[in-house]
């Protein structure tokens, strides 16, 4: 939760709360990966640099959340998380991955670099106080 709270700018309201994360974690076929800045498993919570939360349904998997702590950005953590997410997903027979992001999210470059492409748009999907609304963009990647 510390990574989540630090990683997501509160002005957009994108961070999940503890209950949402807890509910997702007990859902079947949900995966959680936590990495340190070197791309390994953190020794303790203070070493956690980023995480992914995803859910598989049959041969598809959705990346529900990806977050990198601000102090760990620009150090390869996001790419390490994406590589691990895709390796685990591909290793579990997934043939297509999905994710959704707020239009204008700078993480778009990360997704494109890992083979995701935009496949849909939901106009005015995200509401965020005085900033919104923002479109949601759906991305997809087909496993090779």
N, C-alpha and C. Protein backbone atom coordinates (compact mmCIF):
# COMPACT_ATOMS: atom_id res chain seq x y z
N UNK A 1 0.82 -1.20 0.00
CA UNK A 1 0.00 0.00 0.00
C UNK A 1 0.87 1.26 0.00
N UNK A 2 2.05 1.19 0.60
CA UNK A 2 2.93 2.36 0.62
C UNK A 2 3.36 2.72 -0.81
N UNK A 3 3.68 1.71 -1.62
CA UNK A 3 4.05 1.98 -3.01
C UNK A 3 2.86 2.58 -3.75
N UNK A 4 1.68 2.01 -3.54
CA UNK A 4 0.48 2.52 -4.22
C UNK A 4 0.23 3.98 -3.85
N UNK A 5 0.26 4.27 -2.57
CA UNK A 5 -0.03 5.63 -2.13
C UNK A 5 0.99 6.63 -2.64
N UNK A 6 2.24 6.22 -2.77
CA UNK A 6 3.28 7.12 -3.27
C UNK A 6 3.24 7.24 -4.79
N UNK A 7 2.89 6.16 -5.48
CA UNK A 7 3.01 6.11 -6.93
C UNK A 7 1.91 6.86 -7.67
N UNK A 8 0.71 6.86 -7.14
CA UNK A 8 -0.42 7.45 -7.86
C UNK A 8 -0.70 8.86 -7.35
N UNK A 9 -0.69 9.82 -8.26
CA UNK A 9 -0.97 11.20 -7.90
C UNK A 9 -2.43 11.30 -7.44
N UNK A 10 -2.67 11.77 -6.22
CA UNK A 10 -4.03 11.80 -5.69
C UNK A 10 -4.99 12.67 -6.49
N UNK A 11 -4.48 13.60 -7.27
CA UNK A 11 -5.39 14.47 -8.03
C UNK A 11 -6.17 13.70 -9.09
N UNK A 12 -5.68 12.50 -9.47
CA UNK A 12 -6.40 11.69 -10.46
C UNK A 12 -7.30 10.63 -9.83
N UNK A 13 -7.09 10.33 -8.57
CA UNK A 13 -7.93 9.34 -7.88
C UNK A 13 -7.79 7.93 -8.42
N UNK A 14 -6.59 7.56 -8.89
CA UNK A 14 -6.39 6.24 -9.51
C UNK A 14 -5.96 5.15 -8.53
N UNK A 15 -5.44 5.53 -7.39
CA UNK A 15 -4.97 4.52 -6.43
C UNK A 15 -6.16 3.74 -5.88
N UNK A 16 -5.93 2.47 -5.66
CA UNK A 16 -6.95 1.64 -5.02
C UNK A 16 -6.77 1.75 -3.52
N UNK A 17 -7.86 1.51 -2.78
CA UNK A 17 -7.74 1.49 -1.32
C UNK A 17 -7.44 0.06 -0.85
N UNK A 18 -7.15 -0.07 0.42
CA UNK A 18 -6.76 -1.37 0.99
C UNK A 18 -7.84 -2.44 0.75
N UNK A 19 -9.08 -2.08 0.87
CA UNK A 19 -10.15 -3.05 0.67
C UNK A 19 -10.21 -3.53 -0.79
N UNK A 20 -10.08 -2.61 -1.74
CA UNK A 20 -10.10 -3.00 -3.15
C UNK A 20 -8.96 -3.96 -3.47
N UNK A 21 -7.78 -3.68 -2.94
CA UNK A 21 -6.64 -4.56 -3.17
C UNK A 21 -6.88 -5.90 -2.51
N UNK A 22 -7.35 -5.89 -1.27
CA UNK A 22 -7.63 -7.14 -0.55
C UNK A 22 -8.66 -7.99 -1.27
N UNK A 23 -9.72 -7.36 -1.75
CA UNK A 23 -10.75 -8.10 -2.48
C UNK A 23 -10.18 -8.71 -3.76
N UNK A 24 -9.34 -7.97 -4.45
CA UNK A 24 -8.73 -8.49 -5.68
C UNK A 24 -7.82 -9.67 -5.38
N UNK A 25 -7.07 -9.59 -4.30
CA UNK A 25 -6.10 -10.64 -3.98
C UNK A 25 -6.74 -11.98 -3.63
N UNK A 26 -7.98 -11.97 -3.18
CA UNK A 26 -8.64 -13.23 -2.85
C UNK A 26 -9.47 -13.76 -4.02
N UNK A 27 -9.49 -13.01 -5.11
CA UNK A 27 -10.19 -13.45 -6.31
C UNK A 27 -9.34 -14.51 -7.01
N UNK A 28 -9.95 -15.63 -7.41
CA UNK A 28 -9.16 -16.67 -8.10
C UNK A 28 -8.42 -16.13 -9.32
N UNK A 29 -7.26 -16.71 -9.57
CA UNK A 29 -6.43 -16.38 -10.73
C UNK A 29 -5.91 -14.96 -10.74
N UNK A 30 -5.80 -14.36 -9.56
CA UNK A 30 -5.21 -13.04 -9.44
C UNK A 30 -3.77 -13.20 -9.01
N UNK A 31 -2.89 -12.41 -9.63
CA UNK A 31 -1.46 -12.48 -9.32
C UNK A 31 -0.97 -11.12 -8.85
N UNK A 32 -0.06 -11.17 -7.89
CA UNK A 32 0.57 -9.98 -7.35
C UNK A 32 2.07 -10.19 -7.38
N UNK A 33 2.80 -9.26 -7.98
CA UNK A 33 4.26 -9.33 -8.03
C UNK A 33 4.81 -8.05 -7.42
N UNK A 34 5.73 -8.21 -6.48
CA UNK A 34 6.37 -7.09 -5.81
C UNK A 34 7.86 -7.19 -6.07
N UNK A 35 8.47 -6.09 -6.55
CA UNK A 35 9.89 -6.10 -6.87
C UNK A 35 10.63 -4.99 -6.13
N UNK A 36 11.92 -5.23 -5.90
CA UNK A 36 12.79 -4.18 -5.38
C UNK A 36 13.43 -3.47 -6.56
N UNK A 37 14.25 -2.49 -6.29
CA UNK A 37 14.82 -1.68 -7.37
C UNK A 37 15.75 -2.48 -8.27
N UNK A 38 16.29 -3.59 -7.78
CA UNK A 38 17.16 -4.44 -8.59
C UNK A 38 16.38 -5.48 -9.39
N UNK A 39 15.05 -5.49 -9.27
CA UNK A 39 14.23 -6.44 -10.02
C UNK A 39 14.02 -7.76 -9.32
N UNK A 40 14.40 -7.85 -8.04
CA UNK A 40 14.21 -9.07 -7.27
C UNK A 40 13.12 -8.90 -6.22
N UNK A 41 12.95 -9.92 -5.41
CA UNK A 41 11.97 -9.86 -4.32
C UNK A 41 12.53 -9.01 -3.18
N UNK A 42 11.76 -8.04 -2.70
CA UNK A 42 12.26 -7.18 -1.63
C UNK A 42 12.43 -7.95 -0.32
N UNK A 43 13.46 -7.59 0.44
CA UNK A 43 13.69 -8.22 1.74
C UNK A 43 12.65 -7.79 2.76
N UNK A 44 12.20 -6.56 2.66
CA UNK A 44 11.14 -6.08 3.54
C UNK A 44 10.35 -5.00 2.81
N UNK A 45 9.26 -4.56 3.41
CA UNK A 45 8.36 -3.61 2.75
C UNK A 45 9.07 -2.32 2.37
N UNK A 46 10.05 -1.90 3.14
CA UNK A 46 10.75 -0.65 2.84
C UNK A 46 11.55 -0.73 1.54
N UNK A 47 11.89 -1.95 1.11
CA UNK A 47 12.65 -2.13 -0.13
C UNK A 47 11.75 -2.25 -1.36
N UNK A 48 10.44 -2.30 -1.17
CA UNK A 48 9.52 -2.47 -2.29
C UNK A 48 9.57 -1.24 -3.19
N UNK A 49 9.86 -1.48 -4.47
CA UNK A 49 9.97 -0.39 -5.44
C UNK A 49 8.78 -0.34 -6.40
N UNK A 50 8.11 -1.46 -6.60
CA UNK A 50 6.99 -1.47 -7.52
C UNK A 50 6.26 -2.79 -7.48
N UNK A 51 5.07 -2.81 -8.07
CA UNK A 51 4.26 -4.03 -8.09
C UNK A 51 3.34 -4.06 -9.29
N UNK A 52 2.88 -5.26 -9.59
CA UNK A 52 1.78 -5.45 -10.54
C UNK A 52 0.70 -6.27 -9.87
N UNK A 53 -0.51 -6.06 -10.29
CA UNK A 53 -1.66 -6.84 -9.88
C UNK A 53 -2.41 -7.18 -11.15
N UNK A 54 -2.62 -8.47 -11.39
CA UNK A 54 -3.28 -8.89 -12.63
C UNK A 54 -4.23 -10.03 -12.36
N UNK A 55 -5.11 -10.28 -13.32
CA UNK A 55 -6.10 -11.35 -13.19
C UNK A 55 -6.22 -12.08 -14.52
N UNK A 56 -6.13 -13.40 -14.45
CA UNK A 56 -6.25 -14.24 -15.65
C UNK A 56 -7.65 -14.84 -15.72
N UNK A 57 -8.22 -14.82 -16.91
CA UNK A 57 -9.47 -15.50 -17.21
C UNK A 57 -9.25 -16.28 -18.49
N UNK A 58 -9.28 -17.61 -18.36
CA UNK A 58 -8.99 -18.51 -19.48
C UNK A 58 -7.64 -18.15 -20.10
N UNK A 59 -7.61 -17.79 -21.39
CA UNK A 59 -6.33 -17.51 -22.04
C UNK A 59 -6.06 -16.01 -22.17
N UNK A 60 -6.73 -15.20 -21.33
CA UNK A 60 -6.50 -13.76 -21.33
C UNK A 60 -6.12 -13.30 -19.93
N UNK A 61 -5.32 -12.24 -19.86
CA UNK A 61 -4.95 -11.69 -18.57
C UNK A 61 -5.00 -10.17 -18.64
N UNK A 62 -5.56 -9.58 -17.61
CA UNK A 62 -5.66 -8.13 -17.52
C UNK A 62 -4.70 -7.61 -16.46
N UNK A 63 -3.90 -6.65 -16.83
CA UNK A 63 -3.04 -5.95 -15.89
C UNK A 63 -3.91 -4.90 -15.21
N UNK A 64 -4.28 -5.17 -13.97
CA UNK A 64 -5.17 -4.29 -13.24
C UNK A 64 -4.45 -3.05 -12.71
N UNK A 65 -3.26 -3.26 -12.20
CA UNK A 65 -2.47 -2.17 -11.64
C UNK A 65 -0.99 -2.41 -11.87
N UNK A 66 -0.27 -1.36 -12.13
CA UNK A 66 1.18 -1.38 -12.10
C UNK A 66 1.59 -0.07 -11.45
N UNK A 67 2.53 -0.15 -10.53
CA UNK A 67 2.95 1.05 -9.81
C UNK A 67 4.43 0.97 -9.50
N UNK A 68 5.10 2.10 -9.62
CA UNK A 68 6.52 2.22 -9.25
C UNK A 68 6.62 3.41 -8.30
N UNK A 69 7.27 3.19 -7.17
CA UNK A 69 7.47 4.26 -6.20
C UNK A 69 8.26 5.39 -6.84
N UNK A 70 7.93 6.63 -6.54
CA UNK A 70 8.63 7.76 -7.17
C UNK A 70 10.15 7.69 -7.01
N UNK A 71 10.65 7.24 -5.89
CA UNK A 71 12.10 7.18 -5.67
C UNK A 71 12.78 6.13 -6.55
N UNK A 72 11.99 5.20 -7.12
CA UNK A 72 12.56 4.12 -7.93
C UNK A 72 12.35 4.33 -9.43
N UNK A 73 11.73 5.42 -9.80
CA UNK A 73 11.46 5.67 -11.23
C UNK A 73 12.74 5.97 -11.99
N UNK A 74 12.69 5.66 -13.29
CA UNK A 74 13.82 5.87 -14.21
C UNK A 74 15.00 4.98 -13.86
N UNK A 75 14.70 3.83 -13.21
CA UNK A 75 15.75 2.89 -12.84
C UNK A 75 15.46 1.49 -13.37
N UNK A 76 14.48 1.38 -14.29
CA UNK A 76 14.18 0.10 -14.92
C UNK A 76 13.16 -0.76 -14.21
N UNK A 77 12.59 -0.25 -13.11
CA UNK A 77 11.63 -1.06 -12.35
C UNK A 77 10.36 -1.32 -13.16
N UNK A 78 9.84 -0.32 -13.84
CA UNK A 78 8.64 -0.51 -14.65
C UNK A 78 8.84 -1.56 -15.73
N UNK A 79 10.00 -1.51 -16.39
CA UNK A 79 10.29 -2.51 -17.43
C UNK A 79 10.45 -3.90 -16.81
N UNK A 80 11.10 -3.99 -15.65
CA UNK A 80 11.24 -5.28 -14.97
C UNK A 80 9.88 -5.84 -14.58
N UNK A 81 9.00 -4.99 -14.11
CA UNK A 81 7.64 -5.43 -13.76
C UNK A 81 6.89 -5.92 -15.00
N UNK A 82 7.00 -5.19 -16.10
CA UNK A 82 6.32 -5.61 -17.33
C UNK A 82 6.89 -6.93 -17.84
N UNK A 83 8.21 -7.07 -17.82
CA UNK A 83 8.82 -8.33 -18.28
C UNK A 83 8.33 -9.50 -17.42
N UNK A 84 8.28 -9.31 -16.12
CA UNK A 84 7.84 -10.39 -15.24
C UNK A 84 6.36 -10.69 -15.45
N UNK A 85 5.54 -9.66 -15.56
CA UNK A 85 4.12 -9.85 -15.81
C UNK A 85 3.92 -10.66 -17.09
N UNK A 86 4.61 -10.29 -18.16
CA UNK A 86 4.44 -10.98 -19.44
C UNK A 86 4.99 -12.39 -19.40
N UNK A 87 6.11 -12.61 -18.73
CA UNK A 87 6.69 -13.96 -18.64
C UNK A 87 5.76 -14.89 -17.86
N UNK A 88 5.23 -14.42 -16.75
CA UNK A 88 4.31 -15.25 -15.96
C UNK A 88 3.04 -15.52 -16.75
N UNK A 89 2.53 -14.48 -17.37
CA UNK A 89 1.31 -14.58 -18.17
C UNK A 89 1.49 -15.57 -19.32
N UNK A 90 2.55 -15.39 -20.08
CA UNK A 90 2.82 -16.29 -21.21
C UNK A 90 3.03 -17.72 -20.71
N UNK A 91 3.70 -17.87 -19.58
CA UNK A 91 3.96 -19.20 -19.02
C UNK A 91 2.72 -19.91 -18.52
N UNK A 92 1.64 -19.15 -18.33
CA UNK A 92 0.38 -19.75 -17.88
C UNK A 92 -0.62 -19.93 -19.01
N UNK A 93 -0.12 -19.93 -20.24
CA UNK A 93 -0.98 -20.21 -21.38
C UNK A 93 -1.80 -19.04 -21.87
N UNK A 94 -1.49 -17.84 -21.40
CA UNK A 94 -2.22 -16.66 -21.84
C UNK A 94 -1.79 -16.30 -23.25
N UNK A 95 -2.76 -16.00 -24.10
CA UNK A 95 -2.44 -15.62 -25.48
C UNK A 95 -2.69 -14.14 -25.74
N UNK A 96 -3.36 -13.47 -24.80
CA UNK A 96 -3.64 -12.05 -24.99
C UNK A 96 -3.71 -11.35 -23.64
N UNK A 97 -3.02 -10.22 -23.54
CA UNK A 97 -3.03 -9.41 -22.33
C UNK A 97 -3.72 -8.08 -22.62
N UNK A 98 -4.36 -7.56 -21.59
CA UNK A 98 -5.06 -6.28 -21.69
C UNK A 98 -4.65 -5.37 -20.54
N UNK A 99 -4.83 -4.09 -20.76
CA UNK A 99 -4.74 -3.12 -19.68
C UNK A 99 -5.53 -1.89 -20.11
N UNK A 100 -5.83 -1.06 -19.14
CA UNK A 100 -6.56 0.16 -19.43
C UNK A 100 -5.87 1.29 -18.68
N UNK A 101 -5.80 2.45 -19.31
CA UNK A 101 -5.17 3.60 -18.66
C UNK A 101 -5.93 4.88 -18.97
N UNK A 102 -5.71 5.86 -18.13
CA UNK A 102 -6.26 7.19 -18.33
C UNK A 102 -5.52 7.86 -19.48
N UNK A 103 -6.24 8.48 -20.38
CA UNK A 103 -5.61 9.23 -21.47
C UNK A 103 -4.65 10.25 -20.87
N UNK A 104 -3.46 10.32 -21.44
CA UNK A 104 -2.45 11.25 -20.96
C UNK A 104 -1.53 10.68 -19.90
N UNK A 105 -1.74 9.44 -19.51
CA UNK A 105 -0.88 8.80 -18.51
C UNK A 105 0.51 8.59 -19.13
N UNK A 106 1.57 9.06 -18.47
CA UNK A 106 2.90 8.91 -19.05
C UNK A 106 3.37 7.46 -19.14
N UNK A 107 2.68 6.52 -18.52
CA UNK A 107 3.05 5.10 -18.60
C UNK A 107 2.79 4.53 -19.99
N UNK A 108 2.13 5.28 -20.85
CA UNK A 108 1.84 4.79 -22.20
C UNK A 108 3.11 4.33 -22.91
N UNK A 109 4.20 5.05 -22.76
CA UNK A 109 5.46 4.69 -23.43
C UNK A 109 5.93 3.31 -22.97
N UNK A 110 5.76 3.01 -21.70
CA UNK A 110 6.13 1.70 -21.16
C UNK A 110 5.30 0.60 -21.83
N UNK A 111 4.01 0.81 -21.92
CA UNK A 111 3.13 -0.21 -22.51
C UNK A 111 3.46 -0.43 -23.99
N UNK A 112 3.67 0.64 -24.71
CA UNK A 112 4.01 0.51 -26.12
C UNK A 112 5.34 -0.22 -26.30
N UNK A 113 6.29 0.05 -25.43
CA UNK A 113 7.61 -0.60 -25.52
C UNK A 113 7.53 -2.10 -25.29
N UNK A 114 6.46 -2.56 -24.65
CA UNK A 114 6.31 -3.99 -24.38
C UNK A 114 5.26 -4.66 -25.26
N UNK A 115 4.98 -4.03 -26.39
CA UNK A 115 4.15 -4.66 -27.40
C UNK A 115 2.66 -4.43 -27.28
N UNK A 116 2.23 -3.57 -26.39
CA UNK A 116 0.80 -3.25 -26.29
C UNK A 116 0.45 -2.21 -27.33
N UNK A 117 -0.78 -2.28 -27.81
CA UNK A 117 -1.28 -1.31 -28.79
C UNK A 117 -2.70 -0.91 -28.38
N UNK A 118 -3.07 0.33 -28.61
CA UNK A 118 -4.43 0.76 -28.27
C UNK A 118 -5.46 0.05 -29.14
N UNK A 119 -6.54 -0.42 -28.49
CA UNK A 119 -7.60 -1.12 -29.22
C UNK A 119 -8.98 -0.55 -28.95
N UNK A 120 -9.09 0.38 -28.02
CA UNK A 120 -10.39 0.95 -27.71
C UNK A 120 -10.28 2.19 -26.85
N UNK A 121 -11.36 2.95 -26.85
CA UNK A 121 -11.40 4.19 -26.08
C UNK A 121 -12.79 4.34 -25.48
N UNK A 122 -12.84 4.71 -24.20
CA UNK A 122 -14.10 4.98 -23.51
C UNK A 122 -14.11 6.47 -23.17
N UNK A 123 -14.87 7.26 -23.91
CA UNK A 123 -14.88 8.71 -23.67
C UNK A 123 -15.38 9.05 -22.27
N UNK A 124 -14.69 9.99 -21.64
CA UNK A 124 -15.10 10.53 -20.34
C UNK A 124 -15.30 9.47 -19.26
N UNK A 125 -14.52 8.42 -19.30
CA UNK A 125 -14.68 7.28 -18.39
C UNK A 125 -14.22 7.60 -16.97
N UNK A 126 -13.07 8.24 -16.85
CA UNK A 126 -12.52 8.55 -15.52
C UNK A 126 -12.94 9.94 -15.09
N UNK A 127 -13.43 10.04 -13.88
CA UNK A 127 -13.83 11.32 -13.30
C UNK A 127 -12.85 11.63 -12.18
N UNK A 128 -12.41 12.86 -12.12
CA UNK A 128 -11.37 13.21 -11.15
C UNK A 128 -11.53 14.64 -10.67
N UNK A 129 -12.45 14.85 -9.77
CA UNK A 129 -12.62 16.18 -9.20
C UNK A 129 -12.71 17.26 -10.26
N UNK A 130 -11.90 18.28 -10.13
CA UNK A 130 -11.93 19.41 -11.06
C UNK A 130 -11.13 19.16 -12.33
N UNK A 131 -10.39 18.04 -12.40
CA UNK A 131 -9.52 17.78 -13.55
C UNK A 131 -10.22 17.07 -14.69
N UNK A 132 -11.19 16.25 -14.38
CA UNK A 132 -11.74 15.34 -15.37
C UNK A 132 -12.84 15.98 -16.17
N UNK A 133 -13.49 15.18 -16.97
CA UNK A 133 -13.26 13.74 -17.12
C UNK A 133 -12.13 13.44 -18.09
N UNK A 134 -11.67 12.18 -18.03
CA UNK A 134 -10.62 11.68 -18.91
C UNK A 134 -11.11 10.43 -19.61
N UNK A 135 -10.68 10.27 -20.86
CA UNK A 135 -10.99 9.04 -21.58
C UNK A 135 -10.17 7.89 -21.02
N UNK A 136 -10.72 6.69 -21.10
CA UNK A 136 -9.98 5.47 -20.80
C UNK A 136 -9.54 4.88 -22.14
N UNK A 137 -8.29 4.44 -22.19
CA UNK A 137 -7.78 3.81 -23.40
C UNK A 137 -7.44 2.37 -23.06
N UNK A 138 -7.99 1.44 -23.84
CA UNK A 138 -7.72 0.03 -23.65
C UNK A 138 -6.61 -0.39 -24.59
N UNK A 139 -5.66 -1.16 -24.04
CA UNK A 139 -4.52 -1.67 -24.80
C UNK A 139 -4.55 -3.18 -24.78
N UNK A 140 -4.02 -3.78 -25.82
CA UNK A 140 -3.97 -5.22 -25.93
C UNK A 140 -2.61 -5.63 -26.48
N UNK A 141 -2.21 -6.83 -26.11
CA UNK A 141 -0.97 -7.43 -26.62
C UNK A 141 -1.26 -8.90 -26.87
N UNK A 142 -0.83 -9.40 -28.01
CA UNK A 142 -0.97 -10.81 -28.31
C UNK A 142 0.36 -11.50 -28.08
N UNK A 143 0.34 -12.59 -27.32
CA UNK A 143 1.58 -13.31 -27.02
C UNK A 143 2.10 -13.97 -28.28
N UNK A 144 3.42 -14.04 -28.36
CA UNK A 144 4.02 -14.65 -29.56
C UNK A 144 4.28 -16.12 -29.34
